[in-house]
Amino acid sequence: MARLLTAAQLVMLARRHWLRLEPHERRRLFTLVRVATGRRGRLTPAERFELARLIAKADPKLFAGLVIKQFSPVPLPGLGKKR
């Protein structure tokens, strides 16, 4: 049961960052990831730039900090704060 609760908390944090993107941006992100299939070389330079911009908008660094802060057994100063 603890694993399910942990997974649910992680999904809720991820959703918060996912919703930073507009619906059309989320669709475009899916399209770019599908086209790339794990290889940057399959995207044009413009598509790579667009993908990087969309990922940056979701703020993965803040997401990682919040995940660590949420699940760390000891308080870690400075994590999960906006720059």
Protein backbone atom coordinates (compact mmCIF):
# COMPACT_ATOMS: atom_id res chain seq x y z
CA MET A 1 0.00 0.00 0.00
CA ALA A 2 2.88 2.38 0.77
CA ARG A 3 4.21 1.96 -2.77
CA LEU A 4 0.82 2.90 -4.22
CA LEU A 5 0.65 6.03 -2.08
CA THR A 6 4.18 6.98 -3.07
CA ALA A 7 3.35 6.46 -6.74
CA ALA A 8 0.18 8.55 -6.36
CA GLN A 9 2.14 11.40 -4.77
CA LEU A 10 4.67 11.27 -7.58
CA VAL A 11 1.91 11.35 -10.20
CA MET A 12 0.30 14.35 -8.49
CA LEU A 13 3.61 16.26 -8.51
CA ALA A 14 4.21 15.36 -12.16
CA ARG A 15 0.69 16.46 -13.11
CA ARG A 16 1.25 19.87 -11.55
CA HIS A 17 4.27 20.41 -13.80
CA TRP A 18 2.58 18.87 -16.85
CA LEU A 19 -0.27 21.36 -16.49
CA ARG A 20 2.19 24.25 -16.79
CA LEU A 21 2.01 23.55 -20.51
CA GLU A 22 -0.99 24.65 -22.55
CA PRO A 23 -3.00 21.85 -24.22
CA HIS A 24 -1.49 22.58 -27.65
CA GLU A 25 2.00 22.54 -26.12
CA ARG A 26 1.36 19.16 -24.48
CA ARG A 27 0.22 17.71 -27.82
CA ARG A 28 3.29 19.13 -29.56
CA LEU A 29 5.59 17.72 -26.86
CA PHE A 30 4.08 14.26 -27.39
CA THR A 31 4.52 14.60 -31.14
CA LEU A 32 8.17 15.63 -30.86
CA VAL A 33 8.98 12.82 -28.42
CA ARG A 34 7.22 10.30 -30.67
CA VAL A 35 9.16 11.49 -33.74
CA ALA A 36 12.49 11.47 -31.90
CA THR A 37 11.97 7.96 -30.46
CA GLY A 38 14.85 8.56 -28.06
CA ARG A 39 17.25 10.03 -30.63
CA ARG A 40 17.85 13.74 -30.91
CA GLY A 41 19.23 13.30 -34.42
CA ARG A 42 15.77 12.48 -35.73
CA LEU A 43 14.63 16.02 -34.97
CA THR A 44 15.52 19.10 -36.96
CA PRO A 45 17.46 21.82 -35.10
CA ALA A 46 14.25 23.87 -34.88
CA GLU A 47 12.36 20.90 -33.41
CA ARG A 48 15.15 20.29 -30.88
CA PHE A 49 14.95 23.92 -29.82
CA GLU A 50 11.16 23.69 -29.52
CA LEU A 51 11.42 20.50 -27.47
CA ALA A 52 13.96 22.10 -25.13
CA ARG A 53 11.71 25.14 -24.71
CA LEU A 54 8.69 23.00 -23.85
CA ILE A 55 10.64 20.91 -21.36
CA ALA A 56 12.07 24.05 -19.74
CA LYS A 57 8.57 25.48 -19.37
CA ALA A 58 7.55 22.41 -17.34
CA ASP A 59 10.51 23.20 -15.01
CA PRO A 60 12.03 19.74 -14.51
CA LYS A 61 14.65 21.05 -12.07
CA LEU A 62 11.93 22.29 -9.72
CA PHE A 63 10.07 18.99 -10.18
CA ALA A 64 13.16 16.98 -9.23
CA GLY A 65 13.73 19.16 -6.17
CA LEU A 66 10.13 18.72 -5.05
CA VAL A 67 10.33 14.95 -5.51
CA ILE A 68 13.52 14.75 -3.46
CA LYS A 69 12.05 17.02 -0.80
CA GLN A 70 8.82 14.99 -0.65
CA PHE A 71 10.52 11.60 -0.29
CA SER A 72 13.72 12.45 1.58
CA PRO A 73 13.81 11.17 5.16
CA VAL A 74 15.77 14.25 6.23
CA PRO A 75 14.99 17.89 5.43
CA LEU A 76 17.20 19.24 2.67
CA PRO A 77 17.50 23.04 2.54
CA GLY A 78 16.95 24.87 -0.73
CA LEU A 79 15.22 22.06 -2.62
CA GLY A 80 11.95 22.57 -4.41
CA LYS A 81 12.14 26.35 -4.46
CA LYS A 82 11.64 28.53 -7.50
CA ARG A 83 14.71 30.38 -8.69
